mmCIF file of all heavy atoms, coordinates in Angstrom:
data_MODEL
# 
_entry.id   MODEL 
# 
loop_
_atom_site.group_PDB 
_atom_site.id 
_atom_site.type_symbol 
_atom_site.label_atom_id 
_atom_site.label_alt_id 
_atom_site.label_comp_id 
_atom_site.label_asym_id 
_atom_site.label_entity_id 
_atom_site.label_seq_id 
_atom_site.pdbx_PDB_ins_code 
_atom_site.Cartn_x 
_atom_site.Cartn_y 
_atom_site.Cartn_z 
_atom_site.occupancy 
_atom_site.B_iso_or_equiv 
_atom_site.pdbx_formal_charge 
_atom_site.auth_seq_id 
_atom_site.auth_comp_id 
_atom_site.auth_asym_id 
_atom_site.auth_atom_id 
_atom_site.pdbx_PDB_model_num 
ATOM 1   N N   . ILE A 1 1  ? -20.658 97.339  66.014 1.00 0.00 ? 1  ILE A N   1 
ATOM 2   C CA  . ILE A 1 1  ? -21.903 97.200  65.165 1.00 0.00 ? 1  ILE A CA  1 
ATOM 3   C C   . ILE A 1 1  ? -22.455 98.614  64.928 1.00 0.00 ? 1  ILE A C   1 
ATOM 4   O O   . ILE A 1 1  ? -22.774 98.927  63.782 1.00 0.00 ? 1  ILE A O   1 
ATOM 5   C CB  . ILE A 1 1  ? -22.971 96.384  65.945 1.00 0.00 ? 1  ILE A CB  1 
ATOM 6   C CG1 . ILE A 1 1  ? -22.536 94.914  66.004 1.00 0.00 ? 1  ILE A CG1 1 
ATOM 7   C CG2 . ILE A 1 1  ? -24.344 96.495  65.197 1.00 0.00 ? 1  ILE A CG2 1 
ATOM 8   C CD1 . ILE A 1 1  ? -23.400 94.083  66.960 1.00 0.00 ? 1  ILE A CD1 1 
ATOM 9   N N   . SER A 1 2  ? -22.504 99.446  65.926 1.00 0.00 ? 2  SER A N   1 
ATOM 10  C CA  . SER A 1 2  ? -23.083 100.744 65.710 1.00 0.00 ? 2  SER A CA  1 
ATOM 11  C C   . SER A 1 2  ? -22.232 101.634 64.713 1.00 0.00 ? 2  SER A C   1 
ATOM 12  O O   . SER A 1 2  ? -22.754 102.300 63.855 1.00 0.00 ? 2  SER A O   1 
ATOM 13  C CB  . SER A 1 2  ? -23.212 101.516 67.081 1.00 0.00 ? 2  SER A CB  1 
ATOM 14  O OG  . SER A 1 2  ? -21.967 101.684 67.689 1.00 0.00 ? 2  SER A OG  1 
ATOM 15  N N   . HIS A 1 3  ? -20.908 101.574 64.892 1.00 0.00 ? 3  HIS A N   1 
ATOM 16  C CA  . HIS A 1 3  ? -20.032 102.292 63.977 1.00 0.00 ? 3  HIS A CA  1 
ATOM 17  C C   . HIS A 1 3  ? -20.220 101.782 62.545 1.00 0.00 ? 3  HIS A C   1 
ATOM 18  O O   . HIS A 1 3  ? -20.252 102.550 61.594 1.00 0.00 ? 3  HIS A O   1 
ATOM 19  C CB  . HIS A 1 3  ? -18.567 102.201 64.429 1.00 0.00 ? 3  HIS A CB  1 
ATOM 20  C CG  . HIS A 1 3  ? -18.218 103.125 65.513 1.00 0.00 ? 3  HIS A CG  1 
ATOM 21  N ND1 . HIS A 1 3  ? -17.824 104.421 65.322 1.00 0.00 ? 3  HIS A ND1 1 
ATOM 22  C CD2 . HIS A 1 3  ? -18.282 102.959 66.868 1.00 0.00 ? 3  HIS A CD2 1 
ATOM 23  C CE1 . HIS A 1 3  ? -17.556 105.057 66.464 1.00 0.00 ? 3  HIS A CE1 1 
ATOM 24  N NE2 . HIS A 1 3  ? -17.817 104.150 67.489 1.00 0.00 ? 3  HIS A NE2 1 
ATOM 25  N N   . GLY A 1 4  ? -20.296 100.466 62.424 1.00 0.00 ? 4  GLY A N   1 
ATOM 26  C CA  . GLY A 1 4  ? -20.466 99.849  61.095 1.00 0.00 ? 4  GLY A CA  1 
ATOM 27  C C   . GLY A 1 4  ? -21.780 100.256 60.433 1.00 0.00 ? 4  GLY A C   1 
ATOM 28  O O   . GLY A 1 4  ? -21.859 100.586 59.247 1.00 0.00 ? 4  GLY A O   1 
ATOM 29  N N   . VAL A 1 5  ? -22.897 100.156 61.218 1.00 0.00 ? 5  VAL A N   1 
ATOM 30  C CA  . VAL A 1 5  ? -24.175 100.450 60.639 1.00 0.00 ? 5  VAL A CA  1 
ATOM 31  C C   . VAL A 1 5  ? -24.288 101.914 60.249 1.00 0.00 ? 5  VAL A C   1 
ATOM 32  O O   . VAL A 1 5  ? -24.842 102.222 59.180 1.00 0.00 ? 5  VAL A O   1 
ATOM 33  C CB  . VAL A 1 5  ? -25.311 100.085 61.690 1.00 0.00 ? 5  VAL A CB  1 
ATOM 34  C CG1 . VAL A 1 5  ? -26.614 100.673 61.250 1.00 0.00 ? 5  VAL A CG1 1 
ATOM 35  C CG2 . VAL A 1 5  ? -25.418 98.577  61.901 1.00 0.00 ? 5  VAL A CG2 1 
ATOM 36  N N   . ILE A 1 6  ? -23.792 102.815 61.051 1.00 0.00 ? 6  ILE A N   1 
ATOM 37  C CA  . ILE A 1 6  ? -23.898 104.243 60.735 1.00 0.00 ? 6  ILE A CA  1 
ATOM 38  C C   . ILE A 1 6  ? -23.097 104.546 59.466 1.00 0.00 ? 6  ILE A C   1 
ATOM 39  O O   . ILE A 1 6  ? -23.575 105.237 58.544 1.00 0.00 ? 6  ILE A O   1 
ATOM 40  C CB  . ILE A 1 6  ? -23.344 105.088 61.910 1.00 0.00 ? 6  ILE A CB  1 
ATOM 41  C CG1 . ILE A 1 6  ? -24.286 105.017 63.074 1.00 0.00 ? 6  ILE A CG1 1 
ATOM 42  C CG2 . ILE A 1 6  ? -23.099 106.548 61.472 1.00 0.00 ? 6  ILE A CG2 1 
ATOM 43  C CD1 . ILE A 1 6  ? -23.754 105.584 64.386 1.00 0.00 ? 6  ILE A CD1 1 
ATOM 44  N N   . ALA A 1 7  ? -21.866 103.998 59.359 1.00 0.00 ? 7  ALA A N   1 
ATOM 45  C CA  . ALA A 1 7  ? -21.064 104.230 58.155 1.00 0.00 ? 7  ALA A CA  1 
ATOM 46  C C   . ALA A 1 7  ? -21.697 103.611 56.919 1.00 0.00 ? 7  ALA A C   1 
ATOM 47  O O   . ALA A 1 7  ? -21.728 104.209 55.836 1.00 0.00 ? 7  ALA A O   1 
ATOM 48  C CB  . ALA A 1 7  ? -19.649 103.709 58.383 1.00 0.00 ? 7  ALA A CB  1 
ATOM 49  N N   . TYR A 1 8  ? -22.277 102.449 57.074 1.00 0.00 ? 8  TYR A N   1 
ATOM 50  C CA  . TYR A 1 8  ? -22.906 101.762 55.976 1.00 0.00 ? 8  TYR A CA  1 
ATOM 51  C C   . TYR A 1 8  ? -24.091 102.572 55.441 1.00 0.00 ? 8  TYR A C   1 
ATOM 52  O O   . TYR A 1 8  ? -24.226 102.808 54.246 1.00 0.00 ? 8  TYR A O   1 
ATOM 53  C CB  . TYR A 1 8  ? -23.451 100.402 56.470 1.00 0.00 ? 8  TYR A CB  1 
ATOM 54  C CG  . TYR A 1 8  ? -24.116 99.572  55.378 1.00 0.00 ? 8  TYR A CG  1 
ATOM 55  C CD1 . TYR A 1 8  ? -23.422 98.594  54.668 1.00 0.00 ? 8  TYR A CD1 1 
ATOM 56  C CD2 . TYR A 1 8  ? -25.474 99.750  55.116 1.00 0.00 ? 8  TYR A CD2 1 
ATOM 57  C CE1 . TYR A 1 8  ? -24.061 97.847  53.739 1.00 0.00 ? 8  TYR A CE1 1 
ATOM 58  C CE2 . TYR A 1 8  ? -26.083 99.019  54.108 1.00 0.00 ? 8  TYR A CE2 1 
ATOM 59  C CZ  . TYR A 1 8  ? -25.413 98.047  53.419 1.00 0.00 ? 8  TYR A CZ  1 
ATOM 60  O OH  . TYR A 1 8  ? -26.022 97.346  52.453 1.00 0.00 ? 8  TYR A OH  1 
ATOM 61  N N   . ARG A 1 9  ? -24.932 103.071 56.366 1.00 0.00 ? 9  ARG A N   1 
ATOM 62  C CA  . ARG A 1 9  ? -26.103 103.819 55.921 1.00 0.00 ? 9  ARG A CA  1 
ATOM 63  C C   . ARG A 1 9  ? -25.730 105.149 55.260 1.00 0.00 ? 9  ARG A C   1 
ATOM 64  O O   . ARG A 1 9  ? -26.382 105.532 54.300 1.00 0.00 ? 9  ARG A O   1 
ATOM 65  C CB  . ARG A 1 9  ? -26.983 104.082 57.137 1.00 0.00 ? 9  ARG A CB  1 
ATOM 66  C CG  . ARG A 1 9  ? -27.751 102.805 57.663 1.00 0.00 ? 9  ARG A CG  1 
ATOM 67  C CD  . ARG A 1 9  ? -28.574 103.097 58.849 1.00 0.00 ? 9  ARG A CD  1 
ATOM 68  N NE  . ARG A 1 9  ? -29.283 101.916 59.301 1.00 0.00 ? 9  ARG A NE  1 
ATOM 69  C CZ  . ARG A 1 9  ? -29.981 101.835 60.418 1.00 0.00 ? 9  ARG A CZ  1 
ATOM 70  N NH1 . ARG A 1 9  ? -30.038 102.867 61.244 1.00 0.00 ? 9  ARG A NH1 1 
ATOM 71  N NH2 . ARG A 1 9  ? -30.629 100.720 60.745 1.00 0.00 ? 9  ARG A NH2 1 
ATOM 72  N N   . LYS A 1 10 ? -24.717 105.777 55.781 1.00 0.00 ? 10 LYS A N   1 
ATOM 73  C CA  . LYS A 1 10 ? -24.309 107.058 55.213 1.00 0.00 ? 10 LYS A CA  1 
ATOM 74  C C   . LYS A 1 10 ? -23.808 106.847 53.742 1.00 0.00 ? 10 LYS A C   1 
ATOM 75  O O   . LYS A 1 10 ? -24.139 107.566 52.821 1.00 0.00 ? 10 LYS A O   1 
ATOM 76  C CB  . LYS A 1 10 ? -23.201 107.708 56.016 1.00 0.00 ? 10 LYS A CB  1 
ATOM 77  C CG  . LYS A 1 10 ? -23.700 108.370 57.287 1.00 0.00 ? 10 LYS A CG  1 
ATOM 78  C CD  . LYS A 1 10 ? -22.570 109.066 58.027 1.00 0.00 ? 10 LYS A CD  1 
ATOM 79  C CE  . LYS A 1 10 ? -23.050 109.769 59.278 1.00 0.00 ? 10 LYS A CE  1 
ATOM 80  N NZ  . LYS A 1 10 ? -21.903 110.393 60.024 1.00 0.00 ? 10 LYS A NZ  1 
ATOM 81  N N   . MET A 1 11 ? -23.001 105.791 53.596 1.00 0.00 ? 11 MET A N   1 
ATOM 82  C CA  . MET A 1 11 ? -22.458 105.555 52.253 1.00 0.00 ? 11 MET A CA  1 
ATOM 83  C C   . MET A 1 11 ? -23.519 105.046 51.325 1.00 0.00 ? 11 MET A C   1 
ATOM 84  O O   . MET A 1 11 ? -23.572 105.369 50.114 1.00 0.00 ? 11 MET A O   1 
ATOM 85  C CB  . MET A 1 11 ? -21.343 104.491 52.316 1.00 0.00 ? 11 MET A CB  1 
ATOM 86  C CG  . MET A 1 11 ? -20.585 104.274 51.003 1.00 0.00 ? 11 MET A CG  1 
ATOM 87  S SD  . MET A 1 11 ? -19.785 105.811 50.407 1.00 0.00 ? 11 MET A SD  1 
ATOM 88  C CE  . MET A 1 11 ? -18.437 105.963 51.573 1.00 0.00 ? 11 MET A CE  1 
ATOM 89  N N   . ARG A 1 12 ? -24.485 104.242 51.833 1.00 0.00 ? 12 ARG A N   1 
ATOM 90  C CA  . ARG A 1 12 ? -25.596 103.738 51.014 1.00 0.00 ? 12 ARG A CA  1 
ATOM 91  C C   . ARG A 1 12 ? -26.359 104.895 50.416 1.00 0.00 ? 12 ARG A C   1 
ATOM 92  O O   . ARG A 1 12 ? -26.745 104.853 49.254 1.00 0.00 ? 12 ARG A O   1 
ATOM 93  C CB  . ARG A 1 12 ? -26.491 102.840 51.856 1.00 0.00 ? 12 ARG A CB  1 
ATOM 94  C CG  . ARG A 1 12 ? -27.626 102.252 51.071 1.00 0.00 ? 12 ARG A CG  1 
ATOM 95  C CD  . ARG A 1 12 ? -28.529 101.386 52.000 1.00 0.00 ? 12 ARG A CD  1 
ATOM 96  N NE  . ARG A 1 12 ? -29.158 102.221 52.997 1.00 0.00 ? 12 ARG A NE  1 
ATOM 97  C CZ  . ARG A 1 12 ? -29.945 101.720 54.020 1.00 0.00 ? 12 ARG A CZ  1 
ATOM 98  N NH1 . ARG A 1 12 ? -30.117 100.413 54.111 1.00 0.00 ? 12 ARG A NH1 1 
ATOM 99  N NH2 . ARG A 1 12 ? -30.420 102.553 54.890 1.00 0.00 ? 12 ARG A NH2 1 
ATOM 100 N N   . GLU A 1 13 ? -26.611 105.863 51.241 1.00 0.00 ? 13 GLU A N   1 
ATOM 101 C CA  . GLU A 1 13 ? -27.384 106.994 50.725 1.00 0.00 ? 13 GLU A CA  1 
ATOM 102 C C   . GLU A 1 13 ? -26.724 107.743 49.608 1.00 0.00 ? 13 GLU A C   1 
ATOM 103 O O   . GLU A 1 13 ? -27.307 108.285 48.656 1.00 0.00 ? 13 GLU A O   1 
ATOM 104 C CB  . GLU A 1 13 ? -27.667 108.041 51.882 1.00 0.00 ? 13 GLU A CB  1 
ATOM 105 C CG  . GLU A 1 13 ? -28.576 107.465 52.966 1.00 0.00 ? 13 GLU A CG  1 
ATOM 106 C CD  . GLU A 1 13 ? -29.914 107.000 52.412 1.00 0.00 ? 13 GLU A CD  1 
ATOM 107 O OE1 . GLU A 1 13 ? -30.561 107.696 51.644 1.00 0.00 ? 13 GLU A OE1 1 
ATOM 108 O OE2 . GLU A 1 13 ? -30.321 105.875 52.778 1.00 0.00 ? 13 GLU A OE2 1 
ATOM 109 N N   . SER A 1 14 ? -25.383 107.771 49.667 1.00 0.00 ? 14 SER A N   1 
ATOM 110 C CA  . SER A 1 14 ? -24.540 108.432 48.670 1.00 0.00 ? 14 SER A CA  1 
ATOM 111 C C   . SER A 1 14 ? -24.624 107.742 47.300 1.00 0.00 ? 14 SER A C   1 
ATOM 112 O O   . SER A 1 14 ? -24.605 108.350 46.189 1.00 0.00 ? 14 SER A O   1 
ATOM 113 C CB  . SER A 1 14 ? -23.092 108.532 49.062 1.00 0.00 ? 14 SER A CB  1 
ATOM 114 O OG  . SER A 1 14 ? -22.964 109.318 50.246 1.00 0.00 ? 14 SER A OG  1 
ATOM 115 N N   . TYR A 1 15 ? -24.753 106.352 47.375 1.00 0.00 ? 15 TYR A N   1 
ATOM 116 C CA  . TYR A 1 15 ? -24.690 105.613 46.152 1.00 0.00 ? 15 TYR A CA  1 
ATOM 117 C C   . TYR A 1 15 ? -26.063 105.092 45.687 1.00 0.00 ? 15 TYR A C   1 
ATOM 118 O O   . TYR A 1 15 ? -26.155 104.398 44.664 1.00 0.00 ? 15 TYR A O   1 
ATOM 119 C CB  . TYR A 1 15 ? -23.746 104.355 46.356 1.00 0.00 ? 15 TYR A CB  1 
ATOM 120 C CG  . TYR A 1 15 ? -22.259 104.809 46.158 1.00 0.00 ? 15 TYR A CG  1 
ATOM 121 C CD1 . TYR A 1 15 ? -21.540 105.182 47.284 1.00 0.00 ? 15 TYR A CD1 1 
ATOM 122 C CD2 . TYR A 1 15 ? -21.701 104.747 44.881 1.00 0.00 ? 15 TYR A CD2 1 
ATOM 123 C CE1 . TYR A 1 15 ? -20.207 105.575 47.116 1.00 0.00 ? 15 TYR A CE1 1 
ATOM 124 C CE2 . TYR A 1 15 ? -20.371 105.087 44.732 1.00 0.00 ? 15 TYR A CE2 1 
ATOM 125 C CZ  . TYR A 1 15 ? -19.629 105.523 45.859 1.00 0.00 ? 15 TYR A CZ  1 
ATOM 126 O OH  . TYR A 1 15 ? -18.335 105.866 45.686 1.00 0.00 ? 15 TYR A OH  1 
ATOM 127 N N   . LEU A 1 16 ? -27.115 105.408 46.439 1.00 0.00 ? 16 LEU A N   1 
ATOM 128 C CA  . LEU A 1 16 ? -28.435 104.949 46.062 1.00 0.00 ? 16 LEU A CA  1 
ATOM 129 C C   . LEU A 1 16 ? -29.007 105.920 45.019 1.00 0.00 ? 16 LEU A C   1 
ATOM 130 O O   . LEU A 1 16 ? -29.750 106.889 45.325 1.00 0.00 ? 16 LEU A O   1 
ATOM 131 C CB  . LEU A 1 16 ? -29.382 104.927 47.297 1.00 0.00 ? 16 LEU A CB  1 
ATOM 132 C CG  . LEU A 1 16 ? -30.765 104.328 47.085 1.00 0.00 ? 16 LEU A CG  1 
ATOM 133 C CD1 . LEU A 1 16 ? -30.642 102.876 46.576 1.00 0.00 ? 16 LEU A CD1 1 
ATOM 134 C CD2 . LEU A 1 16 ? -31.558 104.329 48.383 1.00 0.00 ? 16 LEU A CD2 1 
ATOM 135 N N   . VAL A 1 17 ? -28.637 105.726 43.866 1.00 0.00 ? 17 VAL A N   1 
ATOM 136 C CA  . VAL A 1 17 ? -29.081 106.575 42.704 1.00 0.00 ? 17 VAL A CA  1 
ATOM 137 C C   . VAL A 1 17 ? -29.465 105.713 41.542 1.00 0.00 ? 17 VAL A C   1 
ATOM 138 O O   . VAL A 1 17 ? -28.873 104.624 41.367 1.00 0.00 ? 17 VAL A O   1 
ATOM 139 C CB  . VAL A 1 17 ? -27.979 107.578 42.279 1.00 0.00 ? 17 VAL A CB  1 
ATOM 140 C CG1 . VAL A 1 17 ? -27.700 108.582 43.368 1.00 0.00 ? 17 VAL A CG1 1 
ATOM 141 C CG2 . VAL A 1 17 ? -26.653 106.868 41.874 1.00 0.00 ? 17 VAL A CG2 1 
ATOM 142 N N   . PRO A 1 18 ? -30.393 106.126 40.688 1.00 0.00 ? 18 PRO A N   1 
ATOM 143 C CA  . PRO A 1 18 ? -30.727 105.317 39.529 1.00 0.00 ? 18 PRO A CA  1 
ATOM 144 C C   . PRO A 1 18 ? -29.618 105.384 38.515 1.00 0.00 ? 18 PRO A C   1 
ATOM 145 O O   . PRO A 1 18 ? -28.857 106.370 38.435 1.00 0.00 ? 18 PRO A O   1 
ATOM 146 C CB  . PRO A 1 18 ? -32.001 105.950 39.037 1.00 0.00 ? 18 PRO A CB  1 
ATOM 147 C CG  . PRO A 1 18 ? -31.945 107.345 39.483 1.00 0.00 ? 18 PRO A CG  1 
ATOM 148 C CD  . PRO A 1 18 ? -31.216 107.359 40.827 1.00 0.00 ? 18 PRO A CD  1 
ATOM 149 N N   . TYR A 1 19 ? -29.612 104.391 37.635 1.00 0.00 ? 19 TYR A N   1 
ATOM 150 C CA  . TYR A 1 19 ? -28.670 104.484 36.496 1.00 0.00 ? 19 TYR A CA  1 
ATOM 151 C C   . TYR A 1 19 ? -29.090 105.642 35.649 1.00 0.00 ? 19 TYR A C   1 
ATOM 152 O O   . TYR A 1 19 ? -30.192 106.131 35.616 1.00 0.00 ? 19 TYR A O   1 
ATOM 153 C CB  . TYR A 1 19 ? -28.862 103.165 35.600 1.00 0.00 ? 19 TYR A CB  1 
ATOM 154 C CG  . TYR A 1 19 ? -28.156 101.992 36.134 1.00 0.00 ? 19 TYR A CG  1 
ATOM 155 C CD1 . TYR A 1 19 ? -28.893 100.905 36.601 1.00 0.00 ? 19 TYR A CD1 1 
ATOM 156 C CD2 . TYR A 1 19 ? -26.769 101.837 36.156 1.00 0.00 ? 19 TYR A CD2 1 
ATOM 157 C CE1 . TYR A 1 19 ? -28.299 99.703  37.033 1.00 0.00 ? 19 TYR A CE1 1 
ATOM 158 C CE2 . TYR A 1 19 ? -26.150 100.657 36.615 1.00 0.00 ? 19 TYR A CE2 1 
ATOM 159 C CZ  . TYR A 1 19 ? -26.896 99.604  37.092 1.00 0.00 ? 19 TYR A CZ  1 
ATOM 160 O OH  . TYR A 1 19 ? -26.315 98.457  37.508 1.00 0.00 ? 19 TYR A OH  1 
ATOM 161 N N   . PRO A 1 20 ? -28.046 106.207 34.928 1.00 0.00 ? 20 PRO A N   1 
ATOM 162 C CA  . PRO A 1 20 ? -28.378 107.320 34.009 1.00 0.00 ? 20 PRO A CA  1 
ATOM 163 C C   . PRO A 1 20 ? -29.466 106.894 33.017 1.00 0.00 ? 20 PRO A C   1 
ATOM 164 O O   . PRO A 1 20 ? -29.532 105.728 32.638 1.00 0.00 ? 20 PRO A O   1 
ATOM 165 C CB  . PRO A 1 20 ? -27.028 107.507 33.236 1.00 0.00 ? 20 PRO A CB  1 
ATOM 166 C CG  . PRO A 1 20 ? -25.952 107.044 34.168 1.00 0.00 ? 20 PRO A CG  1 
ATOM 167 C CD  . PRO A 1 20 ? -26.621 105.829 34.921 1.00 0.00 ? 20 PRO A CD  1 
ATOM 168 N N   . LYS A 1 21 ? -30.364 107.799 32.684 1.00 0.00 ? 21 LYS A N   1 
ATOM 169 C CA  . LYS A 1 21 ? -31.481 107.639 31.717 1.00 0.00 ? 21 LYS A CA  1 
ATOM 170 C C   . LYS A 1 21 ? -32.609 106.827 32.304 1.00 0.00 ? 21 LYS A C   1 
ATOM 171 O O   . LYS A 1 21 ? -33.626 106.641 31.523 1.00 0.00 ? 21 LYS A O   1 
ATOM 172 C CB  . LYS A 1 21 ? -30.970 107.022 30.451 1.00 0.00 ? 21 LYS A CB  1 
ATOM 173 C CG  . LYS A 1 21 ? -29.889 107.845 29.743 1.00 0.00 ? 21 LYS A CG  1 
ATOM 174 C CD  . LYS A 1 21 ? -29.491 107.207 28.453 1.00 0.00 ? 21 LYS A CD  1 
ATOM 175 C CE  . LYS A 1 21 ? -28.288 107.994 27.809 1.00 0.00 ? 21 LYS A CE  1 
ATOM 176 N NZ  . LYS A 1 21 ? -27.865 107.366 26.536 1.00 0.00 ? 21 LYS A NZ  1 
ATOM 177 N N   . VAL A 1 22 ? -32.568 106.355 33.536 1.00 0.00 ? 22 VAL A N   1 
ATOM 178 C CA  . VAL A 1 22 ? -33.742 105.601 34.057 1.00 0.00 ? 22 VAL A CA  1 
ATOM 179 C C   . VAL A 1 22 ? -34.956 106.462 34.088 1.00 0.00 ? 22 VAL A C   1 
ATOM 180 O O   . VAL A 1 22 ? -35.996 106.044 33.593 1.00 0.00 ? 22 VAL A O   1 
ATOM 181 C CB  . VAL A 1 22 ? -33.388 105.058 35.469 1.00 0.00 ? 22 VAL A CB  1 
ATOM 182 C CG1 . VAL A 1 22 ? -34.683 104.614 36.156 1.00 0.00 ? 22 VAL A CG1 1 
ATOM 183 C CG2 . VAL A 1 22 ? -32.493 103.802 35.370 1.00 0.00 ? 22 VAL A CG2 1 
ATOM 184 N N   . ILE A 1 23 ? -34.831 107.613 34.736 1.00 0.00 ? 23 ILE A N   1 
ATOM 185 C CA  . ILE A 1 23 ? -36.021 108.495 34.873 1.00 0.00 ? 23 ILE A CA  1 
ATOM 186 C C   . ILE A 1 23 ? -36.596 108.948 33.555 1.00 0.00 ? 23 ILE A C   1 
ATOM 187 O O   . ILE A 1 23 ? -37.761 108.878 33.294 1.00 0.00 ? 23 ILE A O   1 
ATOM 188 C CB  . ILE A 1 23 ? -35.713 109.643 35.839 1.00 0.00 ? 23 ILE A CB  1 
ATOM 189 C CG1 . ILE A 1 23 ? -35.532 109.131 37.272 1.00 0.00 ? 23 ILE A CG1 1 
ATOM 190 C CG2 . ILE A 1 23 ? -36.847 110.657 35.825 1.00 0.00 ? 23 ILE A CG2 1 
ATOM 191 C CD1 . ILE A 1 23 ? -35.172 110.077 38.297 1.00 0.00 ? 23 ILE A CD1 1 
ATOM 192 N N   . PRO A 1 24 ? -35.746 109.467 32.642 1.00 0.00 ? 24 PRO A N   1 
ATOM 193 C CA  . PRO A 1 24 ? -36.267 109.849 31.325 1.00 0.00 ? 24 PRO A CA  1 
ATOM 194 C C   . PRO A 1 24 ? -36.927 108.754 30.558 1.00 0.00 ? 24 PRO A C   1 
ATOM 195 O O   . PRO A 1 24 ? -37.950 108.927 29.939 1.00 0.00 ? 24 PRO A O   1 
ATOM 196 C CB  . PRO A 1 24 ? -35.062 110.339 30.590 1.00 0.00 ? 24 PRO A CB  1 
ATOM 197 C CG  . PRO A 1 24 ? -34.096 110.775 31.659 1.00 0.00 ? 24 PRO A CG  1 
ATOM 198 C CD  . PRO A 1 24 ? -34.300 109.838 32.738 1.00 0.00 ? 24 PRO A CD  1 
ATOM 199 N N   . THR A 1 25 ? -36.402 107.551 30.730 1.00 0.00 ? 25 THR A N   1 
ATOM 200 C CA  . THR A 1 25 ? -36.980 106.342 30.029 1.00 0.00 ? 25 THR A CA  1 
ATOM 201 C C   . THR A 1 25 ? -38.324 106.026 30.650 1.00 0.00 ? 25 THR A C   1 
ATOM 202 O O   . THR A 1 25 ? -39.270 105.758 29.844 1.00 0.00 ? 25 THR A O   1 
ATOM 203 C CB  . THR A 1 25 ? -35.994 105.158 30.166 1.00 0.00 ? 25 THR A CB  1 
ATOM 204 O OG1 . THR A 1 25 ? -34.723 105.442 29.534 1.00 0.00 ? 25 THR A OG1 1 
ATOM 205 C CG2 . THR A 1 25 ? -36.602 103.892 29.477 1.00 0.00 ? 25 THR A CG2 1 
ATOM 206 N N   . LEU A 1 26 ? -38.458 105.990 31.957 1.00 0.00 ? 26 LEU A N   1 
ATOM 207 C CA  . LEU A 1 26 ? -39.687 105.690 32.591 1.00 0.00 ? 26 LEU A CA  1 
ATOM 208 C C   . LEU A 1 26 ? -40.727 106.819 32.200 1.00 0.00 ? 26 LEU A C   1 
ATOM 209 O O   . LEU A 1 26 ? -41.949 106.455 31.963 1.00 0.00 ? 26 LEU A O   1 
ATOM 210 C CB  . LEU A 1 26 ? -39.575 105.671 34.131 1.00 0.00 ? 26 LEU A CB  1 
ATOM 211 C CG  . LEU A 1 26 ? -38.732 104.520 34.636 1.00 0.00 ? 26 LEU A CG  1 
ATOM 212 C CD1 . LEU A 1 26 ? -38.605 104.637 36.159 1.00 0.00 ? 26 LEU A CD1 1 
ATOM 213 C CD2 . LEU A 1 26 ? -39.246 103.149 34.259 1.00 0.00 ? 26 LEU A CD2 1 
ATOM 214 N N   . ILE A 1 27 ? -40.326 108.060 32.150 1.00 0.00 ? 27 ILE A N   1 
ATOM 215 C CA  . ILE A 1 27 ? -41.264 109.102 31.764 1.00 0.00 ? 27 ILE A CA  1 
ATOM 216 C C   . ILE A 1 27 ? -41.771 108.881 30.382 1.00 0.00 ? 27 ILE A C   1 
ATOM 217 O O   . ILE A 1 27 ? -42.992 108.961 30.093 1.00 0.00 ? 27 ILE A O   1 
ATOM 218 C CB  . ILE A 1 27 ? -40.601 110.490 31.861 1.00 0.00 ? 27 ILE A CB  1 
ATOM 219 C CG1 . ILE A 1 27 ? -40.320 110.862 33.323 1.00 0.00 ? 27 ILE A CG1 1 
ATOM 220 C CG2 . ILE A 1 27 ? -41.394 111.560 31.168 1.00 0.00 ? 27 ILE A CG2 1 
ATOM 221 C CD1 . ILE A 1 27 ? -39.497 112.078 33.573 1.00 0.00 ? 27 ILE A CD1 1 
ATOM 222 N N   . GLU A 1 28 ? -40.906 108.522 29.445 1.00 0.00 ? 28 GLU A N   1 
ATOM 223 C CA  . GLU A 1 28 ? -41.254 108.327 28.047 1.00 0.00 ? 28 GLU A CA  1 
ATOM 224 C C   . GLU A 1 28 ? -42.192 107.084 27.937 1.00 0.00 ? 28 GLU A C   1 
ATOM 225 O O   . GLU A 1 28 ? -43.192 107.126 27.156 1.00 0.00 ? 28 GLU A O   1 
ATOM 226 C CB  . GLU A 1 28 ? -40.020 108.104 27.200 1.00 0.00 ? 28 GLU A CB  1 
ATOM 227 C CG  . GLU A 1 28 ? -40.288 108.053 25.682 1.00 0.00 ? 28 GLU A CG  1 
ATOM 228 C CD  . GLU A 1 28 ? -40.875 109.368 25.158 1.00 0.00 ? 28 GLU A CD  1 
ATOM 229 O OE1 . GLU A 1 28 ? -40.628 110.431 25.760 1.00 0.00 ? 28 GLU A OE1 1 
ATOM 230 O OE2 . GLU A 1 28 ? -41.589 109.304 24.174 1.00 0.00 ? 28 GLU A OE2 1 
# 
């Protein structure tokens, strides 16, 4: 469980990004 959770969280942080153009669209 501990090995799985640690790996999951590390990878999640890498892929937790908005789609392209999300931020410019919200700003506009």
